[in-house]
N, C-alpha and C. Protein backbone atom coordinates (compact mmCIF):
# COMPACT_ATOMS: atom_id res chain seq x y z
N MET A 1 63.34 122.52 -132.55
CA MET A 1 64.66 122.19 -132.36
C MET A 1 65.36 122.42 -131.21
N ILE A 2 66.03 121.65 -130.53
CA ILE A 2 66.95 121.89 -129.27
C ILE A 2 68.29 121.99 -129.85
N ILE A 3 68.98 123.34 -129.58
CA ILE A 3 70.35 123.36 -129.81
C ILE A 3 71.23 123.72 -128.54
N ARG A 4 72.33 123.09 -128.22
CA ARG A 4 73.08 123.03 -127.12
C ARG A 4 74.51 123.13 -127.56
N ARG A 5 75.45 124.00 -126.95
CA ARG A 5 76.78 123.98 -127.06
C ARG A 5 77.57 123.75 -125.86
N PHE A 6 78.61 122.87 -126.03
CA PHE A 6 79.34 122.41 -125.09
C PHE A 6 80.92 122.65 -125.29
N VAL A 7 81.64 123.11 -124.37
CA VAL A 7 83.08 123.53 -124.55
C VAL A 7 83.88 122.23 -123.98
N ARG A 8 84.97 122.04 -124.79
CA ARG A 8 85.96 120.99 -124.27
C ARG A 8 86.99 121.42 -123.24
N GLN A 9 86.78 120.86 -121.86
CA GLN A 9 87.61 121.25 -120.91
C GLN A 9 88.18 120.28 -120.10
N HIS A 10 89.23 120.55 -119.28
CA HIS A 10 89.85 119.48 -118.51
C HIS A 10 89.20 119.73 -117.09
N HIS A 11 88.88 118.38 -116.52
CA HIS A 11 88.20 118.48 -115.19
C HIS A 11 89.51 118.31 -114.25
N GLU A 12 89.68 119.24 -113.41
CA GLU A 12 90.83 119.58 -112.68
C GLU A 12 90.73 118.53 -111.34
N GLU A 13 89.56 118.20 -111.05
CA GLU A 13 89.66 117.50 -109.76
C GLU A 13 89.93 115.98 -110.12
N TYR A 14 89.04 115.50 -111.26
CA TYR A 14 89.25 114.06 -111.65
C TYR A 14 90.07 113.73 -112.77
N GLY A 15 90.67 114.64 -113.46
CA GLY A 15 91.64 114.62 -114.34
C GLY A 15 91.40 113.93 -115.69
N PHE A 16 90.14 114.13 -116.05
CA PHE A 16 89.87 113.61 -117.71
C PHE A 16 89.45 114.94 -118.31
N ASP A 17 89.37 114.84 -119.67
CA ASP A 17 88.71 115.94 -120.43
C ASP A 17 87.23 115.58 -120.82
N GLY A 18 86.41 116.65 -120.62
CA GLY A 18 85.03 116.43 -120.94
C GLY A 18 84.36 117.67 -121.55
N TRP A 19 83.03 117.55 -121.64
CA TRP A 19 82.25 118.62 -122.30
C TRP A 19 81.65 119.43 -121.13
N ARG A 20 81.71 120.79 -121.15
CA ARG A 20 81.11 121.61 -120.19
C ARG A 20 80.06 122.55 -120.88
N PRO A 21 78.73 122.64 -120.34
CA PRO A 21 77.66 123.40 -120.98
C PRO A 21 78.17 124.78 -121.03
N GLN A 22 78.20 125.32 -122.25
CA GLN A 22 78.74 126.74 -122.59
C GLN A 22 77.84 127.72 -121.84
N TRP A 23 76.60 127.45 -121.55
CA TRP A 23 75.84 128.40 -120.97
C TRP A 23 75.79 128.29 -119.47
N ILE A 24 76.59 127.52 -118.86
CA ILE A 24 76.62 127.43 -117.40
C ILE A 24 78.15 127.30 -116.99
N PRO A 25 78.85 128.67 -116.95
CA PRO A 25 80.27 128.44 -116.82
C PRO A 25 80.70 127.69 -115.48
N HIS A 26 79.93 127.86 -114.43
CA HIS A 26 80.55 127.17 -113.23
C HIS A 26 80.49 125.47 -113.19
N PHE A 27 79.69 124.98 -114.24
CA PHE A 27 79.70 123.46 -114.26
C PHE A 27 80.88 122.92 -114.61
N ASP A 28 81.13 121.62 -114.09
CA ASP A 28 82.18 120.67 -114.35
C ASP A 28 82.06 120.13 -115.75
N PRO A 29 82.97 119.88 -116.35
CA PRO A 29 82.89 119.09 -117.66
C PRO A 29 82.58 117.63 -117.42
N SER A 30 81.70 117.03 -118.32
CA SER A 30 81.16 115.65 -118.14
C SER A 30 81.36 114.83 -119.51
N GLU A 31 80.99 113.53 -119.41
CA GLU A 31 81.19 112.76 -120.58
C GLU A 31 79.78 112.52 -121.23
N GLY A 32 79.86 111.62 -122.12
CA GLY A 32 78.54 111.41 -122.93
C GLY A 32 77.15 111.49 -122.31
N PRO A 33 76.90 110.73 -121.10
CA PRO A 33 75.59 110.75 -120.59
C PRO A 33 75.27 112.36 -119.88
N GLY A 34 76.38 112.90 -119.42
CA GLY A 34 76.35 114.06 -118.73
C GLY A 34 75.98 115.13 -119.77
N VAL A 35 76.36 115.01 -121.05
CA VAL A 35 76.07 115.87 -122.04
C VAL A 35 74.53 115.66 -122.52
N ALA A 36 74.15 114.37 -122.63
CA ALA A 36 72.76 113.99 -122.91
C ALA A 36 71.65 114.56 -121.77
N HIS A 37 72.20 114.50 -120.50
CA HIS A 37 71.26 114.92 -119.33
C HIS A 37 71.13 116.47 -119.55
N ASP A 38 72.28 117.24 -119.72
CA ASP A 38 72.31 118.70 -119.84
C ASP A 38 71.48 119.17 -120.94
N THR A 39 71.50 118.25 -122.03
CA THR A 39 70.67 118.89 -123.11
C THR A 39 69.20 118.38 -123.15
N LEU A 40 68.75 117.31 -122.64
CA LEU A 40 67.48 116.84 -122.65
C LEU A 40 66.80 116.93 -121.31
N GLU A 41 67.48 116.98 -120.16
CA GLU A 41 66.81 117.09 -118.76
C GLU A 41 66.82 118.32 -118.15
N HIS A 42 67.42 119.20 -118.77
CA HIS A 42 67.74 120.61 -118.30
C HIS A 42 67.05 121.62 -119.37
N VAL A 43 66.52 122.48 -119.06
CA VAL A 43 65.97 123.53 -119.92
C VAL A 43 67.09 124.63 -120.13
N LEU A 44 67.11 125.54 -121.21
CA LEU A 44 68.18 126.30 -121.36
C LEU A 44 68.33 127.37 -120.50
N HIS A 45 67.26 127.97 -119.99
CA HIS A 45 67.25 128.99 -118.79
C HIS A 45 67.68 128.41 -117.50
N ASP A 46 67.88 127.13 -117.21
CA ASP A 46 68.45 126.53 -115.93
C ASP A 46 69.71 127.20 -115.54
N ALA A 47 69.82 127.58 -114.41
CA ALA A 47 71.18 128.42 -114.10
C ALA A 47 72.08 127.45 -113.35
N GLY A 48 71.81 126.10 -113.36
CA GLY A 48 72.82 125.07 -112.54
C GLY A 48 72.78 125.32 -111.11
N THR A 49 71.67 125.71 -110.49
CA THR A 49 71.54 125.78 -109.20
C THR A 49 71.16 124.48 -108.58
N VAL A 50 71.14 124.27 -107.28
CA VAL A 50 70.78 123.00 -106.53
C VAL A 50 69.24 122.75 -106.93
N GLU A 51 68.40 124.00 -106.76
CA GLU A 51 66.91 123.81 -106.98
C GLU A 51 66.72 123.20 -108.43
N THR A 52 67.48 123.71 -109.44
CA THR A 52 67.12 123.34 -110.81
C THR A 52 67.77 121.86 -110.96
N GLU A 53 68.69 121.50 -110.23
CA GLU A 53 69.20 120.26 -110.36
C GLU A 53 68.12 119.21 -109.81
N PHE A 54 67.36 119.59 -108.58
CA PHE A 54 66.19 118.67 -108.32
C PHE A 54 65.12 118.60 -109.37
N MET A 55 64.89 119.69 -110.01
CA MET A 55 63.82 119.66 -111.06
C MET A 55 64.37 118.82 -112.06
N ALA A 56 65.57 118.76 -112.45
CA ALA A 56 66.32 118.00 -113.47
C ALA A 56 66.06 116.51 -113.00
N MET A 57 66.24 116.20 -111.63
CA MET A 57 65.85 114.66 -111.21
C MET A 57 64.57 114.08 -111.59
N GLY A 58 63.62 115.11 -111.60
CA GLY A 58 62.09 114.87 -112.16
C GLY A 58 62.05 114.67 -113.41
N ALA A 59 62.85 115.50 -114.25
CA ALA A 59 63.14 115.00 -115.56
C ALA A 59 63.59 113.75 -116.01
N ILE A 60 64.63 113.34 -115.13
CA ILE A 60 65.24 112.13 -115.09
C ILE A 60 64.20 111.00 -115.02
N ALA A 61 63.31 111.21 -114.00
CA ALA A 61 62.26 110.22 -113.72
C ALA A 61 61.48 110.04 -114.98
N TRP A 62 61.06 111.16 -115.58
CA TRP A 62 60.25 111.09 -116.83
C TRP A 62 60.99 110.27 -117.82
N LEU A 63 62.07 110.87 -118.36
CA LEU A 63 62.66 110.55 -119.48
C LEU A 63 63.33 109.25 -119.38
N ARG A 64 64.25 109.18 -118.52
CA ARG A 64 65.01 107.81 -118.57
C ARG A 64 64.34 106.69 -117.46
N GLY A 65 63.47 107.32 -116.70
CA GLY A 65 62.68 106.18 -115.77
C GLY A 65 61.50 105.65 -116.60
N THR A 66 60.57 106.42 -116.97
CA THR A 66 59.53 105.81 -117.73
C THR A 66 59.91 105.50 -119.23
N GLY A 67 61.12 105.90 -119.61
CA GLY A 67 61.53 105.50 -121.03
C GLY A 67 62.29 104.29 -120.98
N GLY A 68 62.44 103.59 -119.80
CA GLY A 68 63.14 102.34 -119.73
C GLY A 68 64.62 102.37 -119.95
N TRP A 69 65.17 103.62 -119.88
CA TRP A 69 66.74 103.65 -119.94
C TRP A 69 67.43 103.06 -118.93
N PHE A 70 67.16 103.00 -117.73
CA PHE A 70 67.67 102.44 -116.54
C PHE A 70 67.66 101.02 -116.72
N HIS A 71 66.39 100.35 -117.03
CA HIS A 71 66.35 99.05 -117.01
C HIS A 71 67.18 98.35 -118.16
N GLN A 72 67.37 99.23 -119.36
CA GLN A 72 68.14 98.69 -120.37
C GLN A 72 69.49 98.71 -120.05
N HIS A 73 69.95 99.86 -119.42
CA HIS A 73 71.50 100.05 -119.32
C HIS A 73 72.03 99.62 -117.90
N ARG A 74 71.19 99.47 -117.01
CA ARG A 74 71.60 99.16 -115.73
C ARG A 74 70.60 97.93 -115.13
N PRO A 75 70.47 96.95 -115.76
CA PRO A 75 69.48 96.07 -115.23
C PRO A 75 69.56 95.29 -113.84
N HIS A 76 70.79 95.48 -113.52
CA HIS A 76 71.03 94.73 -112.06
C HIS A 76 71.00 95.93 -111.10
N ALA A 77 70.73 97.22 -111.41
CA ALA A 77 70.54 98.33 -110.55
C ALA A 77 69.62 99.39 -111.03
N SER A 78 68.44 98.66 -111.49
CA SER A 78 67.56 99.55 -112.38
C SER A 78 66.50 100.35 -111.23
N ASP A 79 66.64 100.19 -109.99
CA ASP A 79 65.64 100.64 -109.05
C ASP A 79 65.75 102.35 -109.29
N LEU A 80 64.82 102.87 -109.82
CA LEU A 80 64.79 104.38 -110.26
C LEU A 80 65.19 105.20 -109.04
N ALA A 81 64.60 105.10 -107.85
CA ALA A 81 64.56 105.68 -106.58
C ALA A 81 66.22 105.66 -106.38
N TYR A 82 66.76 104.41 -106.34
CA TYR A 82 68.21 104.41 -106.00
C TYR A 82 69.18 104.91 -106.84
N GLN A 83 68.86 104.96 -108.14
CA GLN A 83 69.74 105.62 -109.26
C GLN A 83 69.68 107.19 -108.91
N MET A 84 68.69 107.79 -108.46
CA MET A 84 68.78 109.30 -108.50
C MET A 84 69.02 109.79 -107.01
N SER A 85 68.97 108.82 -105.96
CA SER A 85 69.06 109.20 -104.54
C SER A 85 70.65 109.67 -104.40
N GLY A 86 71.48 109.02 -105.09
CA GLY A 86 73.02 109.24 -104.86
C GLY A 86 73.30 110.79 -105.09
N ASP A 87 72.38 111.57 -106.03
CA ASP A 87 72.72 112.92 -106.24
C ASP A 87 72.56 113.74 -104.95
N PHE A 88 71.86 113.26 -103.95
CA PHE A 88 71.39 114.13 -102.76
C PHE A 88 72.63 114.67 -102.07
N LEU A 89 73.62 113.75 -101.91
CA LEU A 89 74.87 114.02 -101.27
C LEU A 89 75.66 115.03 -101.80
N GLN A 90 75.86 115.14 -103.23
CA GLN A 90 76.52 116.14 -103.84
C GLN A 90 75.78 117.54 -103.77
N GLN A 91 74.52 117.38 -103.89
CA GLN A 91 73.67 118.64 -103.87
C GLN A 91 73.79 119.31 -102.35
N ALA A 92 73.68 118.33 -101.48
CA ALA A 92 73.87 118.99 -99.97
C ALA A 92 75.10 119.57 -99.94
N GLU A 93 76.23 119.11 -100.23
CA GLU A 93 77.69 119.57 -100.27
C GLU A 93 77.64 120.97 -101.08
N TYR A 94 77.01 120.98 -102.13
CA TYR A 94 77.05 122.16 -102.86
C TYR A 94 76.34 123.52 -101.99
N LEU A 95 75.30 123.03 -101.33
CA LEU A 95 74.62 123.97 -100.55
C LEU A 95 75.48 124.46 -99.36
N ASP A 96 76.31 123.57 -98.76
CA ASP A 96 77.29 123.79 -97.88
C ASP A 96 78.32 124.78 -98.32
N GLY A 97 78.73 124.50 -99.70
CA GLY A 97 79.79 125.31 -100.20
C GLY A 97 79.29 126.84 -100.44
N GLU A 98 78.09 126.82 -100.82
CA GLU A 98 77.35 128.20 -100.97
C GLU A 98 76.84 128.80 -99.63
N ASP A 99 76.97 128.00 -98.38
CA ASP A 99 76.56 128.60 -97.12
C ASP A 99 75.17 129.00 -97.31
N ARG A 100 74.31 128.19 -97.45
CA ARG A 100 72.86 128.31 -97.53
C ARG A 100 72.06 127.06 -97.62
N LYS A 101 70.86 127.10 -97.25
CA LYS A 101 69.97 126.04 -97.41
C LYS A 101 69.01 126.12 -98.56
N MET A 102 68.57 124.99 -99.00
CA MET A 102 67.66 124.87 -100.22
C MET A 102 66.37 125.92 -100.05
N LYS A 103 66.21 126.65 -101.10
CA LYS A 103 65.05 127.37 -101.26
C LYS A 103 63.73 126.60 -101.04
N THR A 104 62.81 127.19 -100.21
CA THR A 104 61.60 126.64 -100.10
C THR A 104 60.69 126.40 -101.46
N ALA A 105 60.38 125.34 -101.92
CA ALA A 105 59.68 125.16 -103.20
C ALA A 105 58.11 125.51 -103.02
N PRO A 106 57.60 126.14 -104.00
CA PRO A 106 56.14 126.16 -104.15
C PRO A 106 55.45 124.83 -103.81
N LYS A 107 54.29 124.84 -103.25
CA LYS A 107 53.63 123.57 -103.17
C LYS A 107 52.97 123.00 -104.38
N THR A 108 53.07 121.72 -104.43
CA THR A 108 52.71 121.00 -105.64
C THR A 108 51.93 119.86 -105.35
N ARG A 109 50.95 119.41 -106.35
CA ARG A 109 50.11 118.26 -106.13
C ARG A 109 50.85 116.87 -106.34
N PRO A 110 50.55 115.94 -105.71
CA PRO A 110 51.05 114.59 -106.07
C PRO A 110 51.02 114.14 -107.36
N LEU A 111 51.94 113.31 -107.89
CA LEU A 111 51.77 112.72 -109.28
C LEU A 111 50.92 111.36 -109.14
N ASP A 112 50.71 110.70 -110.12
CA ASP A 112 50.15 109.35 -110.12
C ASP A 112 50.73 108.56 -109.05
N ASP A 113 50.16 107.48 -108.49
CA ASP A 113 50.56 106.75 -107.36
C ASP A 113 51.98 106.12 -107.74
N TYR A 114 52.18 105.49 -108.81
CA TYR A 114 53.35 104.91 -109.12
C TYR A 114 54.54 105.74 -108.93
N MET A 115 54.67 107.01 -109.72
CA MET A 115 55.65 107.91 -109.87
C MET A 115 55.84 108.74 -108.46
N GLU A 116 54.60 109.04 -107.81
CA GLU A 116 54.73 109.57 -106.49
C GLU A 116 55.59 108.79 -105.42
N ASP A 117 55.25 107.36 -105.46
CA ASP A 117 55.93 106.36 -104.69
C ASP A 117 57.45 106.41 -104.95
N VAL A 118 57.75 106.35 -106.24
CA VAL A 118 59.14 106.22 -106.68
C VAL A 118 60.06 107.64 -106.23
N LEU A 119 59.31 108.82 -106.44
CA LEU A 119 60.03 110.05 -106.01
C LEU A 119 60.07 110.20 -104.49
N SER A 120 58.99 109.76 -103.84
CA SER A 120 59.15 109.82 -102.44
C SER A 120 60.30 108.84 -101.78
N ASP A 121 60.21 107.73 -102.39
CA ASP A 121 61.28 106.74 -102.00
C ASP A 121 62.73 107.37 -102.29
N CYS A 122 62.88 107.92 -103.52
CA CYS A 122 63.97 108.44 -103.74
C CYS A 122 64.42 109.72 -102.74
N VAL A 123 63.68 110.46 -102.38
CA VAL A 123 63.72 111.55 -101.26
C VAL A 123 64.23 110.82 -99.89
N ARG A 124 63.49 109.75 -99.57
CA ARG A 124 63.85 109.13 -98.24
C ARG A 124 65.11 108.37 -98.57
N LYS A 125 65.57 107.90 -99.68
CA LYS A 125 66.78 107.33 -99.61
C LYS A 125 68.05 108.31 -99.75
N GLY A 126 67.67 109.44 -100.54
CA GLY A 126 68.77 110.27 -100.53
C GLY A 126 68.95 111.05 -99.31
N MET A 127 68.10 111.49 -98.39
CA MET A 127 68.13 111.98 -97.26
C MET A 127 68.83 110.91 -96.28
N ALA A 128 68.61 109.81 -96.44
CA ALA A 128 69.30 108.82 -95.54
C ALA A 128 70.87 108.96 -95.99
N ILE A 129 71.01 108.94 -97.08
CA ILE A 129 72.66 108.98 -97.50
C ILE A 129 73.17 110.08 -96.92
N VAL A 130 72.62 111.32 -97.02
CA VAL A 130 73.19 112.65 -96.57
C VAL A 130 73.45 112.57 -95.08
N ARG A 131 72.46 112.11 -94.27
CA ARG A 131 72.52 112.02 -92.73
C ARG A 131 73.48 110.91 -92.38
N SER A 132 73.76 109.92 -93.27
CA SER A 132 74.70 108.89 -92.85
C SER A 132 76.15 109.49 -92.96
N GLU A 133 76.46 110.18 -94.21
CA GLU A 133 77.80 110.62 -94.63
C GLU A 133 78.06 111.95 -93.67
N HIS A 134 77.02 112.71 -93.32
CA HIS A 134 77.44 113.87 -92.48
C HIS A 134 76.51 114.08 -91.18
N SER A 135 76.56 112.88 -90.34
CA SER A 135 76.00 112.81 -89.21
C SER A 135 76.60 113.87 -88.19
N ASP A 136 77.76 114.23 -88.44
CA ASP A 136 78.29 114.91 -87.37
C ASP A 136 78.41 116.50 -87.84
N ARG A 137 77.64 116.73 -89.08
CA ARG A 137 77.79 118.03 -89.65
C ARG A 137 76.24 118.48 -90.02
N PRO A 138 75.90 119.13 -88.77
CA PRO A 138 74.19 119.36 -88.89
C PRO A 138 73.82 120.18 -90.08
N PHE A 139 74.77 121.44 -90.62
CA PHE A 139 74.34 122.17 -91.57
C PHE A 139 74.10 121.38 -92.80
N ILE A 140 75.10 120.62 -93.15
CA ILE A 140 75.03 119.75 -94.34
C ILE A 140 73.87 118.81 -94.28
N ARG A 141 73.75 118.15 -93.03
CA ARG A 141 72.63 117.06 -92.83
C ARG A 141 71.24 117.68 -93.12
N ASP A 142 71.24 118.91 -92.58
CA ASP A 142 69.77 119.66 -92.93
C ASP A 142 69.70 120.69 -93.99
N ALA A 143 70.63 120.74 -94.89
CA ALA A 143 70.69 121.71 -96.00
C ALA A 143 69.54 121.31 -96.87
N ILE A 144 69.11 120.15 -97.23
CA ILE A 144 68.15 119.87 -98.07
C ILE A 144 66.77 119.60 -97.28
N ASP A 145 65.75 120.43 -97.66
CA ASP A 145 64.40 120.16 -97.21
C ASP A 145 63.66 119.00 -98.10
N PRO A 146 63.38 117.99 -97.29
CA PRO A 146 62.70 116.88 -98.17
C PRO A 146 61.39 117.28 -98.78
N VAL A 147 60.69 118.11 -98.13
CA VAL A 147 59.19 118.37 -98.56
C VAL A 147 59.62 119.25 -100.19
N SER A 148 60.59 120.12 -99.88
CA SER A 148 60.79 120.94 -101.12
C SER A 148 61.57 120.10 -102.16
N ALA A 149 62.43 119.31 -101.80
CA ALA A 149 63.14 118.30 -102.77
C ALA A 149 62.08 117.67 -103.74
N LEU A 150 61.04 117.02 -102.90
CA LEU A 150 59.89 116.34 -103.55
C LEU A 150 59.11 117.24 -104.44
N SER A 151 58.78 118.45 -104.04
CA SER A 151 58.06 119.48 -104.93
C SER A 151 58.95 119.77 -106.09
N TYR A 152 60.21 120.10 -105.88
CA TYR A 152 60.92 120.51 -107.36
C TYR A 152 61.01 119.22 -108.23
N MET A 153 60.91 118.21 -107.79
CA MET A 153 61.13 116.89 -108.55
C MET A 153 59.73 116.74 -109.36
N ARG A 154 58.65 116.87 -108.58
CA ARG A 154 57.26 116.76 -109.26
C ARG A 154 57.28 117.92 -110.35
N THR A 155 57.81 119.23 -110.07
CA THR A 155 57.76 120.21 -111.13
C THR A 155 58.45 119.76 -112.21
N GLY A 156 59.71 119.26 -111.94
CA GLY A 156 60.48 118.95 -113.25
C GLY A 156 59.84 117.74 -114.02
N TYR A 157 59.16 116.86 -113.43
CA TYR A 157 58.61 115.63 -114.02
C TYR A 157 57.58 116.28 -114.86
N ARG A 158 56.60 117.04 -114.40
CA ARG A 158 55.60 117.60 -114.99
C ARG A 158 56.06 118.52 -116.19
N ARG A 159 57.07 119.25 -116.04
CA ARG A 159 57.63 120.20 -117.06
C ARG A 159 58.11 119.37 -118.09
N THR A 160 58.87 118.35 -117.97
CA THR A 160 59.40 117.46 -119.11
C THR A 160 58.22 116.85 -119.70
N ALA A 161 57.30 116.39 -119.20
CA ALA A 161 56.04 115.79 -119.71
C ALA A 161 55.46 116.79 -120.89
N ARG A 162 55.24 117.99 -120.37
CA ARG A 162 54.89 119.08 -121.25
C ARG A 162 55.67 119.37 -122.41
N ARG A 163 57.14 119.56 -122.04
CA ARG A 163 58.09 119.67 -123.07
C ARG A 163 58.08 118.84 -124.17
N TYR A 164 57.88 117.42 -123.95
CA TYR A 164 58.14 116.57 -124.85
C TYR A 164 56.68 115.85 -125.13
N ALA A 165 55.61 116.64 -125.23
CA ALA A 165 54.21 115.91 -125.12
C ALA A 165 54.08 115.38 -126.39
N GLY A 166 54.70 115.66 -127.48
CA GLY A 166 54.38 115.05 -128.70
C GLY A 166 55.53 113.83 -129.00
N SER A 167 56.25 113.40 -127.92
CA SER A 167 57.25 112.34 -127.98
C SER A 167 57.02 111.34 -126.79
N ASP A 168 57.13 110.01 -127.05
CA ASP A 168 57.16 109.21 -126.29
C ASP A 168 58.33 108.92 -125.38
N PRO A 169 58.26 108.67 -124.10
CA PRO A 169 59.51 108.84 -123.23
C PRO A 169 60.70 107.53 -123.88
N CYS A 170 60.15 106.51 -124.32
CA CYS A 170 60.91 105.64 -125.06
C CYS A 170 61.81 106.28 -126.20
N GLU A 171 60.92 106.98 -126.94
CA GLU A 171 61.79 107.61 -128.13
C GLU A 171 62.73 108.73 -127.54
N MET A 172 62.54 109.35 -126.55
CA MET A 172 63.41 110.22 -125.71
C MET A 172 64.59 109.74 -125.36
N ALA A 173 64.23 108.41 -124.63
CA ALA A 173 65.43 107.82 -124.13
C ALA A 173 66.41 107.24 -125.27
N HIS A 174 65.89 107.02 -126.26
CA HIS A 174 66.60 106.71 -127.70
C HIS A 174 67.50 107.92 -127.96
N ILE A 175 66.93 109.12 -128.01
CA ILE A 175 67.64 110.34 -128.37
C ILE A 175 68.87 110.53 -127.34
N PHE A 176 68.30 110.40 -126.05
CA PHE A 176 69.43 110.37 -124.96
C PHE A 176 70.70 109.60 -125.30
N ASP A 177 70.37 108.29 -125.70
CA ASP A 177 71.54 107.57 -126.17
C ASP A 177 72.36 107.95 -127.24
N GLU A 178 71.66 108.56 -128.31
CA GLU A 178 72.32 109.08 -129.48
C GLU A 178 73.24 110.27 -128.86
N VAL A 179 72.70 111.04 -128.15
CA VAL A 179 73.45 112.32 -127.87
C VAL A 179 74.67 111.78 -126.94
N ALA A 180 74.52 110.89 -126.12
CA ALA A 180 75.44 110.49 -125.23
C ALA A 180 76.65 109.70 -125.94
N LYS A 181 76.26 108.73 -126.91
CA LYS A 181 77.23 108.12 -127.78
C LYS A 181 77.94 109.06 -128.70
N GLY A 182 77.39 110.11 -129.29
CA GLY A 182 77.86 111.01 -130.24
C GLY A 182 78.90 111.86 -129.51
N ALA A 183 78.61 112.29 -128.26
CA ALA A 183 79.53 113.12 -127.42
C ALA A 183 80.82 112.30 -127.10
N GLU A 184 80.70 111.17 -126.72
CA GLU A 184 81.75 110.36 -126.54
C GLU A 184 82.60 110.09 -127.61
N HIS A 185 82.10 109.97 -128.81
CA HIS A 185 82.67 109.73 -129.99
C HIS A 185 83.51 110.90 -130.43
N HIS A 186 82.89 112.02 -130.38
CA HIS A 186 83.70 113.40 -130.79
C HIS A 186 84.71 113.67 -129.65
N GLY A 187 84.33 113.27 -128.48
CA GLY A 187 85.48 113.56 -127.56
C GLY A 187 86.95 112.85 -127.64
N LYS A 188 86.85 111.75 -128.45
CA LYS A 188 88.02 110.96 -128.67
C LYS A 188 88.97 111.84 -129.69
N TYR A 189 88.55 112.89 -130.34
CA TYR A 189 89.33 113.59 -131.38
C TYR A 189 89.34 115.06 -131.01
N ALA A 190 88.59 115.38 -130.08
CA ALA A 190 88.51 116.89 -129.76
C ALA A 190 89.59 117.31 -129.12
N GLU A 191 90.07 118.62 -129.10
CA GLU A 191 91.08 119.45 -128.35
C GLU A 191 90.39 120.28 -127.35
N LEU A 192 91.06 120.47 -126.39
CA LEU A 192 90.50 121.54 -125.31
C LEU A 192 90.36 122.79 -126.05
N GLY A 193 89.07 123.50 -125.64
CA GLY A 193 88.49 124.61 -126.49
C GLY A 193 87.44 124.39 -127.46
N ASP A 194 87.57 123.10 -128.20
CA ASP A 194 86.53 122.89 -129.09
C ASP A 194 85.05 122.94 -128.44
N VAL A 195 84.38 123.25 -129.39
CA VAL A 195 82.90 123.45 -129.01
C VAL A 195 82.04 122.26 -129.70
N LEU A 196 81.39 121.56 -129.00
CA LEU A 196 80.37 120.65 -129.34
C LEU A 196 79.02 121.16 -129.53
N VAL A 197 78.37 121.03 -130.72
CA VAL A 197 77.25 121.49 -131.04
C VAL A 197 76.12 120.45 -131.17
N VAL A 198 75.02 120.34 -130.33
CA VAL A 198 74.22 119.25 -130.16
C VAL A 198 72.70 119.88 -130.83
N ARG A 199 72.19 119.12 -131.89
CA ARG A 199 71.05 119.64 -132.47
C ARG A 199 69.90 118.31 -132.20
N VAL A 200 68.73 118.62 -131.66
CA VAL A 200 67.81 117.60 -131.48
C VAL A 200 66.62 117.90 -132.30
N GLU A 201 66.18 117.09 -133.21
CA GLU A 201 65.07 117.16 -133.97
C GLU A 201 64.06 116.39 -133.36
N LEU A 202 63.06 116.90 -132.52
CA LEU A 202 62.01 115.99 -131.95
C LEU A 202 61.08 115.48 -132.86
N ASN A 203 60.64 116.04 -133.91
CA ASN A 203 59.70 115.64 -134.85
C ASN A 203 60.19 114.53 -135.51
N ARG A 204 61.61 114.26 -135.73
CA ARG A 204 62.07 113.19 -136.40
C ARG A 204 62.93 112.19 -135.51
N CYS A 205 62.81 112.47 -134.29
CA CYS A 205 63.33 111.72 -133.34
C CYS A 205 64.84 111.33 -133.56
N ARG A 206 65.90 112.39 -133.99
CA ARG A 206 67.09 112.16 -134.01
C ARG A 206 67.94 113.35 -133.58
N ALA A 207 69.19 113.06 -133.15
CA ALA A 207 70.21 114.03 -132.55
C ALA A 207 71.38 114.06 -133.76
N MET A 208 71.88 115.32 -133.84
CA MET A 208 72.95 115.46 -134.65
C MET A 208 73.94 116.45 -133.99
N LEU A 209 75.20 115.74 -133.93
CA LEU A 209 76.38 116.51 -133.22
C LEU A 209 77.55 116.78 -134.12
N ASP A 210 77.90 117.99 -134.07
CA ASP A 210 79.18 118.38 -134.70
C ASP A 210 80.15 119.09 -133.77
N VAL A 211 81.42 119.13 -134.18
CA VAL A 211 82.39 119.91 -133.37
C VAL A 211 82.87 120.98 -134.34
N GLU A 212 82.95 122.19 -133.63
CA GLU A 212 83.46 123.46 -133.98
C GLU A 212 84.74 123.53 -133.51
N GLN A 213 85.81 123.34 -134.27
CA GLN A 213 87.20 123.39 -133.80
C GLN A 213 87.68 124.81 -133.57
N ARG A 214 88.48 124.87 -132.40
CA ARG A 214 89.04 126.07 -131.91
C ARG A 214 90.22 126.34 -132.92
N PHE A 215 90.23 127.54 -133.28
CA PHE A 215 91.42 128.14 -134.16
C PHE A 215 92.16 129.13 -133.33
N ASN A 216 93.51 128.64 -133.24
CA ASN A 216 94.63 129.62 -132.44
C ASN A 216 95.01 130.62 -133.51
């Protein structure tokens, strides 16, 4: 069973209330899909670094890509590489804020031809976005190493396939929806400081969500 806890917090920059992963204090709160992403596409020991976010992109490719989630929910923009490439800009800006460049990833073997093409295309598109947005800022422009980015994504893809070896990607995409919808439902009634508890039973292909209310 997977168990994750999220705290209800206000997003100061964007002005909405959302759920922040309790185990990663520096993360911003997010809404339903963000809760599902942090629950299913990150592992518990992920520290929320740029490198682990790229591994989570590989997890997205396995779970929501091969599971058909993007095709079902975004049929007019279901290009998997395009969907993930937008995250490159945010990650490059995080690296700039930390005054560092991406850590070099261990070398990895290519995936199957289809997924290797998808992830490689994602890197190409993502790097193009970063270079276009920050053409006059070489540190941000070059903060992400495309070779390492691809290696981290391959690692995340393989790690997720092993983690959910007993489940079909389509089943996991269904659980993703359950978590996302449940988090949004509980968010309508939650108060700041409340804790959302997400439990996922992989053998039963179901998610259960409850709120532990804060008592003043």
